[in-house]
Amino acid sequence: ALVRSGAEQFVLFGEVERADRRIAVGVEGADGRLR
């Protein structure tokens, strides 16, 4: 239900800023699985 109609998967990408660095965080969902 989270995948846009007509698409095969969704992808989320974020950057979390900590005191001295940025940490990349990514989540993708397809075929009922989350990675």
PDB file of all heavy atoms in Angstrom:
ATOM      1  N   ALA A   1       0.817  -1.212   0.000  1.00  0.00           N
ATOM      2  CA  ALA A   1       0.000   0.000   0.000  1.00  0.00           C
ATOM      3  C   ALA A   1       0.852   1.264   0.000  1.00  0.00           C
ATOM      4  O   ALA A   1       0.356   2.357  -0.305  1.00  0.00           O
ATOM      5  CB  ALA A   1      -0.925   0.014   1.218  1.00  0.00           C
ATOM      6  N   LEU A   2       2.140   1.131   0.313  1.00  0.00           N
ATOM      7  CA  LEU A   2       3.035   2.284   0.370  1.00  0.00           C
ATOM      8  C   LEU A   2       3.681   2.599  -0.975  1.00  0.00           C
ATOM      9  O   LEU A   2       4.267   3.662  -1.147  1.00  0.00           O
ATOM     10  CB  LEU A   2       4.130   2.041   1.412  1.00  0.00           C
ATOM     11  CG  LEU A   2       3.654   1.702   2.827  1.00  0.00           C
ATOM     12  CD1 LEU A   2       4.844   1.448   3.743  1.00  0.00           C
ATOM     13  CD2 LEU A   2       2.774   2.813   3.381  1.00  0.00           C
ATOM     14  N   VAL A   3       3.610   1.668  -1.917  1.00  0.00           N
ATOM     15  CA  VAL A   3       4.225   1.861  -3.234  1.00  0.00           C
ATOM     16  C   VAL A   3       3.252   2.633  -4.130  1.00  0.00           C
ATOM     17  O   VAL A   3       2.085   2.265  -4.243  1.00  0.00           O
ATOM     18  CB  VAL A   3       4.590   0.520  -3.885  1.00  0.00           C
ATOM     19  CG1 VAL A   3       5.246   0.740  -5.237  1.00  0.00           C
ATOM     20  CG2 VAL A   3       5.510  -0.283  -2.968  1.00  0.00           C
ATOM     21  N   ARG A   4       3.755   3.693  -4.734  1.00  0.00           N
ATOM     22  CA  ARG A   4       2.898   4.507  -5.607  1.00  0.00           C
ATOM     23  C   ARG A   4       2.318   3.671  -6.739  1.00  0.00           C
ATOM     24  O   ARG A   4       2.990   2.799  -7.288  1.00  0.00           O
ATOM     25  CB  ARG A   4       3.714   5.671  -6.192  1.00  0.00           C
ATOM     26  CG  ARG A   4       2.881   6.723  -6.933  1.00  0.00           C
ATOM     27  CD  ARG A   4       3.755   7.880  -7.368  1.00  0.00           C
ATOM     28  NE  ARG A   4       4.748   7.476  -8.341  1.00  0.00           N
ATOM     29  CZ  ARG A   4       4.557   7.467  -9.670  1.00  0.00           C
ATOM     30  NH1 ARG A   4       3.395   7.869 -10.171  1.00  0.00           N
ATOM     31  NH2 ARG A   4       5.522   7.084 -10.474  1.00  0.00           N
ATOM     32  N   SER A   5       1.079   3.917  -7.074  1.00  0.00           N
ATOM     33  CA  SER A   5       0.408   3.167  -8.133  1.00  0.00           C
ATOM     34  C   SER A   5       1.218   3.226  -9.427  1.00  0.00           C
ATOM     35  O   SER A   5       1.614   4.308  -9.880  1.00  0.00           O
ATOM     36  CB  SER A   5      -1.000   3.739  -8.370  1.00  0.00           C
ATOM     37  OG  SER A   5      -1.638   3.062  -9.421  1.00  0.00           O
ATOM     38  N   GLY A   6       1.480   2.069  -9.998  1.00  0.00           N
ATOM     39  CA  GLY A   6       2.247   1.984 -11.233  1.00  0.00           C
ATOM     40  C   GLY A   6       3.733   1.777 -11.029  1.00  0.00           C
ATOM     41  O   GLY A   6       4.453   1.479 -11.992  1.00  0.00           O
ATOM     42  N   ALA A   7       4.216   1.931  -9.790  1.00  0.00           N
ATOM     43  CA  ALA A   7       5.643   1.741  -9.496  1.00  0.00           C
ATOM     44  C   ALA A   7       5.867   0.347  -8.921  1.00  0.00           C
ATOM     45  O   ALA A   7       4.936  -0.311  -8.462  1.00  0.00           O
ATOM     46  CB  ALA A   7       6.141   2.812  -8.522  1.00  0.00           C
ATOM     47  N   GLU A   8       7.111  -0.095  -8.941  1.00  0.00           N
ATOM     48  CA  GLU A   8       7.443  -1.425  -8.437  1.00  0.00           C
ATOM     49  C   GLU A   8       7.967  -1.398  -7.013  1.00  0.00           C
ATOM     50  O   GLU A   8       7.911  -2.406  -6.309  1.00  0.00           O
ATOM     51  CB  GLU A   8       8.485  -2.084  -9.349  1.00  0.00           C
ATOM     52  CG  GLU A   8       7.964  -2.365 -10.756  1.00  0.00           C
ATOM     53  CD  GLU A   8       8.995  -3.083 -11.601  1.00  0.00           C
ATOM     54  OE1 GLU A   8      10.140  -3.271 -11.122  1.00  0.00           O
ATOM     55  OE2 GLU A   8       8.655  -3.476 -12.730  1.00  0.00           O
ATOM     56  N   GLN A   9       8.496  -0.252  -6.577  1.00  0.00           N
ATOM     57  CA  GLN A   9       9.029  -0.149  -5.230  1.00  0.00           C
ATOM     58  C   GLN A   9       9.062   1.308  -4.801  1.00  0.00           C
ATOM     59  O   GLN A   9       8.946   2.215  -5.632  1.00  0.00           O
ATOM     60  CB  GLN A   9      10.447  -0.726  -5.143  1.00  0.00           C
ATOM     61  CG  GLN A   9      11.478   0.077  -5.926  1.00  0.00           C
ATOM     62  CD  GLN A   9      12.893  -0.431  -5.710  1.00  0.00           C
ATOM     63  OE1 GLN A   9      13.122  -1.451  -5.093  1.00  0.00           O
ATOM     64  NE2 GLN A   9      13.864   0.310  -6.218  1.00  0.00           N
ATOM     65  N   PHE A  10       9.182   1.539  -3.512  1.00  0.00           N
ATOM     66  CA  PHE A  10       9.434   2.896  -3.024  1.00  0.00           C
ATOM     67  C   PHE A  10      10.835   2.940  -2.434  1.00  0.00           C
ATOM     68  O   PHE A  10      11.381   1.929  -1.971  1.00  0.00           O
ATOM     69  CB  PHE A  10       8.391   3.336  -1.990  1.00  0.00           C
ATOM     70  CG  PHE A  10       8.466   2.620  -0.665  1.00  0.00           C
ATOM     71  CD1 PHE A  10       9.406   2.983   0.307  1.00  0.00           C
ATOM     72  CD2 PHE A  10       7.586   1.588  -0.362  1.00  0.00           C
ATOM     73  CE1 PHE A  10       9.479   2.328   1.524  1.00  0.00           C
ATOM     74  CE2 PHE A  10       7.648   0.928   0.857  1.00  0.00           C
ATOM     75  CZ  PHE A  10       8.602   1.297   1.804  1.00  0.00           C
ATOM     76  N   VAL A  11      11.429   4.125  -2.457  1.00  0.00           N
ATOM     77  CA  VAL A  11      12.756   4.332  -1.893  1.00  0.00           C
ATOM     78  C   VAL A  11      12.730   5.594  -1.041  1.00  0.00           C
ATOM     79  O   VAL A  11      12.272   6.647  -1.488  1.00  0.00           O
ATOM     80  CB  VAL A  11      13.828   4.472  -2.999  1.00  0.00           C
ATOM     81  CG1 VAL A  11      15.202   4.734  -2.373  1.00  0.00           C
ATOM     82  CG2 VAL A  11      13.868   3.226  -3.875  1.00  0.00           C
ATOM     83  N   LEU A  12      13.221   5.480   0.181  1.00  0.00           N
ATOM     84  CA  LEU A  12      13.364   6.620   1.074  1.00  0.00           C
ATOM     85  C   LEU A  12      14.843   6.773   1.411  1.00  0.00           C
ATOM     86  O   LEU A  12      15.528   5.789   1.693  1.00  0.00           O
ATOM     87  CB  LEU A  12      12.575   6.415   2.366  1.00  0.00           C
ATOM     88  CG  LEU A  12      11.081   6.108   2.223  1.00  0.00           C
ATOM     89  CD1 LEU A  12      10.470   5.839   3.592  1.00  0.00           C
ATOM     90  CD2 LEU A  12      10.358   7.257   1.526  1.00  0.00           C
ATOM     91  N   PHE A  13      15.311   8.003   1.378  1.00  0.00           N
ATOM     92  CA  PHE A  13      16.707   8.279   1.704  1.00  0.00           C
ATOM     93  C   PHE A  13      16.764   9.503   2.597  1.00  0.00           C
ATOM     94  O   PHE A  13      16.079  10.498   2.349  1.00  0.00           O
ATOM     95  CB  PHE A  13      17.532   8.521   0.436  1.00  0.00           C
ATOM     96  CG  PHE A  13      18.944   8.962   0.723  1.00  0.00           C
ATOM     97  CD1 PHE A  13      19.914   8.030   1.069  1.00  0.00           C
ATOM     98  CD2 PHE A  13      19.301  10.300   0.682  1.00  0.00           C
ATOM     99  CE1 PHE A  13      21.210   8.427   1.352  1.00  0.00           C
ATOM    100  CE2 PHE A  13      20.590  10.704   0.962  1.00  0.00           C
ATOM    101  CZ  PHE A  13      21.552   9.768   1.302  1.00  0.00           C
ATOM    102  N   GLY A  14      17.558   9.409   3.658  1.00  0.00           N
ATOM    103  CA  GLY A  14      17.710  10.542   4.555  1.00  0.00           C
ATOM    104  C   GLY A  14      19.141  10.708   4.989  1.00  0.00           C
ATOM    105  O   GLY A  14      19.964   9.783   4.879  1.00  0.00           O
ATOM    106  N   GLU A  15      19.443  11.898   5.507  1.00  0.00           N
ATOM    107  CA  GLU A  15      20.753  12.172   6.092  1.00  0.00           C
ATOM    108  C   GLU A  15      20.547  12.708   7.497  1.00  0.00           C
ATOM    109  O   GLU A  15      19.855  13.716   7.694  1.00  0.00           O
ATOM    110  CB  GLU A  15      21.543  13.177   5.254  1.00  0.00           C
ATOM    111  CG  GLU A  15      22.057  12.613   3.945  1.00  0.00           C
ATOM    112  CD  GLU A  15      22.923  13.604   3.198  1.00  0.00           C
ATOM    113  OE1 GLU A  15      22.818  14.817   3.478  1.00  0.00           O
ATOM    114  OE2 GLU A  15      23.693  13.175   2.337  1.00  0.00           O
ATOM    115  N   VAL A  16      21.120  12.007   8.462  1.00  0.00           N
ATOM    116  CA  VAL A  16      21.035  12.419   9.862  1.00  0.00           C
ATOM    117  C   VAL A  16      22.344  13.087  10.238  1.00  0.00           C
ATOM    118  O   VAL A  16      23.424  12.504  10.085  1.00  0.00           O
ATOM    119  CB  VAL A  16      20.775  11.211  10.778  1.00  0.00           C
ATOM    120  CG1 VAL A  16      20.738  11.657  12.241  1.00  0.00           C
ATOM    121  CG2 VAL A  16      19.469  10.531  10.391  1.00  0.00           C
ATOM    122  N   GLU A  17      22.250  14.308  10.730  1.00  0.00           N
ATOM    123  CA  GLU A  17      23.439  15.053  11.106  1.00  0.00           C
ATOM    124  C   GLU A  17      23.746  14.809  12.571  1.00  0.00           C
ATOM    125  O   GLU A  17      22.889  15.021  13.433  1.00  0.00           O
ATOM    126  CB  GLU A  17      23.238  16.544  10.843  1.00  0.00           C
ATOM    127  CG  GLU A  17      24.500  17.370  11.030  1.00  0.00           C
ATOM    128  CD  GLU A  17      24.304  18.805  10.597  1.00  0.00           C
ATOM    129  OE1 GLU A  17      23.447  19.487  11.196  1.00  0.00           O
ATOM    130  OE2 GLU A  17      25.000  19.241   9.658  1.00  0.00           O
ATOM    131  N   ARG A  18      24.942  14.363  12.836  1.00  0.00           N
ATOM    132  CA  ARG A  18      25.413  14.212  14.207  1.00  0.00           C
ATOM    133  C   ARG A  18      26.463  15.289  14.481  1.00  0.00           C
ATOM    134  O   ARG A  18      26.689  16.170  13.659  1.00  0.00           O
ATOM    135  CB  ARG A  18      25.973  12.804  14.418  1.00  0.00           C
ATOM    136  CG  ARG A  18      24.895  11.712  14.360  1.00  0.00           C
ATOM    137  CD  ARG A  18      23.899  11.861  15.502  1.00  0.00           C
ATOM    138  NE  ARG A  18      22.857  10.855  15.476  1.00  0.00           N
ATOM    139  CZ  ARG A  18      22.911   9.691  16.099  1.00  0.00           C
ATOM    140  NH1 ARG A  18      23.999   9.362  16.761  1.00  0.00           N
ATOM    141  NH2 ARG A  18      21.898   8.855  16.048  1.00  0.00           N
ATOM    142  N   ALA A  19      27.143  15.199  15.595  1.00  0.00           N
ATOM    143  CA  ALA A  19      28.041  16.269  16.015  1.00  0.00           C
ATOM    144  C   ALA A  19      29.123  16.572  14.981  1.00  0.00           C
ATOM    145  O   ALA A  19      29.454  17.734  14.737  1.00  0.00           O
ATOM    146  CB  ALA A  19      28.685  15.901  17.357  1.00  0.00           C
ATOM    147  N   ASP A  20      29.676  15.529  14.364  1.00  0.00           N
ATOM    148  CA  ASP A  20      30.806  15.746  13.462  1.00  0.00           C
ATOM    149  C   ASP A  20      30.652  15.072  12.106  1.00  0.00           C
ATOM    150  O   ASP A  20      31.610  14.988  11.342  1.00  0.00           O
ATOM    151  CB  ASP A  20      32.098  15.261  14.119  1.00  0.00           C
ATOM    152  CG  ASP A  20      32.025  13.774  14.489  1.00  0.00           C
ATOM    153  OD1 ASP A  20      30.928  13.189  14.357  1.00  0.00           O
ATOM    154  OD2 ASP A  20      33.063  13.213  14.893  1.00  0.00           O
ATOM    155  N   ARG A  21      29.452  14.573  11.793  1.00  0.00           N
ATOM    156  CA  ARG A  21      29.304  13.844  10.530  1.00  0.00           C
ATOM    157  C   ARG A  21      27.823  13.743  10.160  1.00  0.00           C
ATOM    158  O   ARG A  21      26.945  14.018  10.967  1.00  0.00           O
ATOM    159  CB  ARG A  21      29.889  12.436  10.662  1.00  0.00           C
ATOM    160  CG  ARG A  21      29.131  11.534  11.635  1.00  0.00           C
ATOM    161  CD  ARG A  21      29.944  10.308  11.988  1.00  0.00           C
ATOM    162  NE  ARG A  21      29.196   9.319  12.747  1.00  0.00           N
ATOM    163  CZ  ARG A  21      28.934   9.414  14.042  1.00  0.00           C
ATOM    164  NH1 ARG A  21      29.341  10.473  14.723  1.00  0.00           N
ATOM    165  NH2 ARG A  21      28.261   8.465  14.663  1.00  0.00           N
ATOM    166  N   ARG A  22      27.585  13.329   8.900  1.00  0.00           N
ATOM    167  CA  ARG A  22      26.232  13.006   8.454  1.00  0.00           C
ATOM    168  C   ARG A  22      26.159  11.508   8.163  1.00  0.00           C
ATOM    169  O   ARG A  22      27.081  10.958   7.550  1.00  0.00           O
ATOM    170  CB  ARG A  22      25.854  13.812   7.211  1.00  0.00           C
ATOM    171  CG  ARG A  22      25.526  15.266   7.513  1.00  0.00           C
ATOM    172  CD  ARG A  22      24.751  15.913   6.381  1.00  0.00           C
ATOM    173  NE  ARG A  22      24.387  17.285   6.699  1.00  0.00           N
ATOM    174  CZ  ARG A  22      23.502  18.005   6.003  1.00  0.00           C
ATOM    175  NH1 ARG A  22      22.897  17.459   4.952  1.00  0.00           N
ATOM    176  NH2 ARG A  22      23.222  19.235   6.342  1.00  0.00           N
ATOM    177  N   ILE A  23      25.095  10.897   8.605  1.00  0.00           N
ATOM    178  CA  ILE A  23      24.910   9.459   8.415  1.00  0.00           C
ATOM    179  C   ILE A  23      23.784   9.246   7.416  1.00  0.00           C
ATOM    180  O   ILE A  23      22.665   9.733   7.606  1.00  0.00           O
ATOM    181  CB  ILE A  23      24.557   8.769   9.748  1.00  0.00           C
ATOM    182  CG1 ILE A  23      25.653   9.017  10.779  1.00  0.00           C
ATOM    183  CG2 ILE A  23      24.344   7.275   9.532  1.00  0.00           C
ATOM    184  CD1 ILE A  23      25.304   8.515  12.158  1.00  0.00           C
ATOM    185  N   ALA A  24      24.068   8.533   6.335  1.00  0.00           N
ATOM    186  CA  ALA A  24      23.060   8.234   5.322  1.00  0.00           C
ATOM    187  C   ALA A  24      22.207   7.062   5.785  1.00  0.00           C
ATOM    188  O   ALA A  24      22.724   6.059   6.281  1.00  0.00           O
ATOM    189  CB  ALA A  24      23.732   7.903   3.988  1.00  0.00           C
ATOM    190  N   VAL A  25      20.895   7.217   5.621  1.00  0.00           N
ATOM    191  CA  VAL A  25      19.942   6.175   5.992  1.00  0.00           C
ATOM    192  C   VAL A  25      19.008   5.951   4.812  1.00  0.00           C
ATOM    193  O   VAL A  25      18.452   6.909   4.267  1.00  0.00           O
ATOM    194  CB  VAL A  25      19.108   6.570   7.229  1.00  0.00           C
ATOM    195  CG1 VAL A  25      18.162   5.446   7.619  1.00  0.00           C
ATOM    196  CG2 VAL A  25      20.012   6.936   8.395  1.00  0.00           C
ATOM    197  N   GLY A  26      18.844   4.707   4.408  1.00  0.00           N
ATOM    198  CA  GLY A  26      17.981   4.398   3.275  1.00  0.00           C
ATOM    199  C   GLY A  26      17.063   3.232   3.561  1.00  0.00           C
ATOM    200  O   GLY A  26      17.465   2.277   4.227  1.00  0.00           O
ATOM    201  N   VAL A  27      15.844   3.322   3.063  1.00  0.00           N
ATOM    202  CA  VAL A  27      14.872   2.239   3.199  1.00  0.00           C
ATOM    203  C   VAL A  27      14.185   2.070   1.853  1.00  0.00           C
ATOM    204  O   VAL A  27      13.767   3.053   1.226  1.00  0.00           O
ATOM    205  CB  VAL A  27      13.814   2.542   4.280  1.00  0.00           C
ATOM    206  CG1 VAL A  27      12.750   1.450   4.306  1.00  0.00           C
ATOM    207  CG2 VAL A  27      14.462   2.673   5.646  1.00  0.00           C
ATOM    208  N   GLU A  28      14.060   0.828   1.407  1.00  0.00           N
ATOM    209  CA  GLU A  28      13.299   0.562   0.192  1.00  0.00           C
ATOM    210  C   GLU A  28      12.334  -0.587   0.444  1.00  0.00           C
ATOM    211  O   GLU A  28      12.624  -1.495   1.232  1.00  0.00           O
ATOM    212  CB  GLU A  28      14.215   0.254  -0.986  1.00  0.00           C
ATOM    213  CG  GLU A  28      15.056  -0.988  -0.837  1.00  0.00           C
ATOM    214  CD  GLU A  28      15.930  -1.235  -2.054  1.00  0.00           C
ATOM    215  OE1 GLU A  28      16.475  -0.263  -2.601  1.00  0.00           O
ATOM    216  OE2 GLU A  28      16.065  -2.422  -2.441  1.00  0.00           O
ATOM    217  N   GLY A  29      11.180  -0.512  -0.200  1.00  0.00           N
ATOM    218  CA  GLY A  29      10.172  -1.542  -0.028  1.00  0.00           C
ATOM    219  C   GLY A  29       9.692  -2.058  -1.371  1.00  0.00           C
ATOM    220  O   GLY A  29       9.367  -1.273  -2.261  1.00  0.00           O
ATOM    221  N   ALA A  30       9.670  -3.367  -1.515  1.00  0.00           N
ATOM    222  CA  ALA A  30       9.199  -4.003  -2.749  1.00  0.00           C
ATOM    223  C   ALA A  30       8.856  -5.453  -2.442  1.00  0.00           C
ATOM    224  O   ALA A  30       9.492  -6.088  -1.592  1.00  0.00           O
ATOM    225  CB  ALA A  30      10.273  -3.939  -3.837  1.00  0.00           C
ATOM    226  N   ASP A  31       7.842  -5.972  -3.121  1.00  0.00           N
ATOM    227  CA  ASP A  31       7.450  -7.381  -2.986  1.00  0.00           C
ATOM    228  C   ASP A  31       7.168  -7.768  -1.535  1.00  0.00           C
ATOM    229  O   ASP A  31       7.481  -8.871  -1.094  1.00  0.00           O
ATOM    230  CB  ASP A  31       8.538  -8.302  -3.558  1.00  0.00           C
ATOM    231  CG  ASP A  31       8.828  -8.018  -5.028  1.00  0.00           C
ATOM    232  OD1 ASP A  31       7.858  -7.737  -5.758  1.00  0.00           O
ATOM    233  OD2 ASP A  31      10.005  -8.065  -5.413  1.00  0.00           O
ATOM    234  N   GLY A  32       6.598  -6.813  -0.789  1.00  0.00           N
ATOM    235  CA  GLY A  32       6.241  -7.111   0.595  1.00  0.00           C
ATOM    236  C   GLY A  32       7.412  -7.175   1.551  1.00  0.00           C
ATOM    237  O   GLY A  32       7.256  -7.591   2.698  1.00  0.00           O
ATOM    238  N   ARG A  33       8.593  -6.758   1.115  1.00  0.00           N
ATOM    239  CA  ARG A  33       9.773  -6.798   1.965  1.00  0.00           C
ATOM    240  C   ARG A  33      10.377  -5.412   2.103  1.00  0.00           C
ATOM    241  O   ARG A  33      10.310  -4.595   1.185  1.00  0.00           O
ATOM    242  CB  ARG A  33      10.824  -7.767   1.416  1.00  0.00           C
ATOM    243  CG  ARG A  33      10.400  -9.229   1.461  1.00  0.00           C
ATOM    244  CD  ARG A  33      11.509 -10.118   0.950  1.00  0.00           C
ATOM    245  NE  ARG A  33      11.865  -9.790  -0.435  1.00  0.00           N
ATOM    246  CZ  ARG A  33      12.946 -10.221  -1.060  1.00  0.00           C
ATOM    247  NH1 ARG A  33      13.799 -10.997  -0.422  1.00  0.00           N
ATOM    248  NH2 ARG A  33      13.173  -9.898  -2.314  1.00  0.00           N
ATOM    249  N   LEU A  34      10.988  -5.185   3.267  1.00  0.00           N
ATOM    250  CA  LEU A  34      11.626  -3.909   3.546  1.00  0.00           C
ATOM    251  C   LEU A  34      13.116  -4.141   3.745  1.00  0.00           C
ATOM    252  O   LEU A  34      13.519  -5.066   4.465  1.00  0.00           O
ATOM    253  CB  LEU A  34      11.015  -3.310   4.817  1.00  0.00           C
ATOM    254  CG  LEU A  34      11.039  -1.788   4.979  1.00  0.00           C
ATOM    255  CD1 LEU A  34      10.208  -1.124   3.884  1.00  0.00           C
ATOM    256  CD2 LEU A  34      10.484  -1.412   6.349  1.00  0.00           C
ATOM    257  N   ARG A  35      13.932  -3.318   3.101  1.00  0.00           N
ATOM    258  CA  ARG A  35      15.380  -3.401   3.265  1.00  0.00           C
ATOM    259  C   ARG A  35      15.900  -2.036   3.674  1.00  0.00           C
ATOM    260  O   ARG A  35      15.425  -1.007   3.186  1.00  0.00           O
ATOM    261  CB  ARG A  35      16.045  -3.856   1.959  1.00  0.00           C
ATOM    262  CG  ARG A  35      15.712  -5.297   1.582  1.00  0.00           C
ATOM    263  CD  ARG A  35      16.192  -5.646   0.200  1.00  0.00           C
ATOM    264  NE  ARG A  35      15.404  -4.949  -0.818  1.00  0.00           N
ATOM    265  CZ  ARG A  35      14.255  -5.397  -1.299  1.00  0.00           C
ATOM    266  NH1 ARG A  35      13.740  -6.526  -0.843  1.00  0.00           N
ATOM    267  NH2 ARG A  35      13.594  -4.730  -2.221  1.00  0.00           N
TER     268      ARG A  35
END
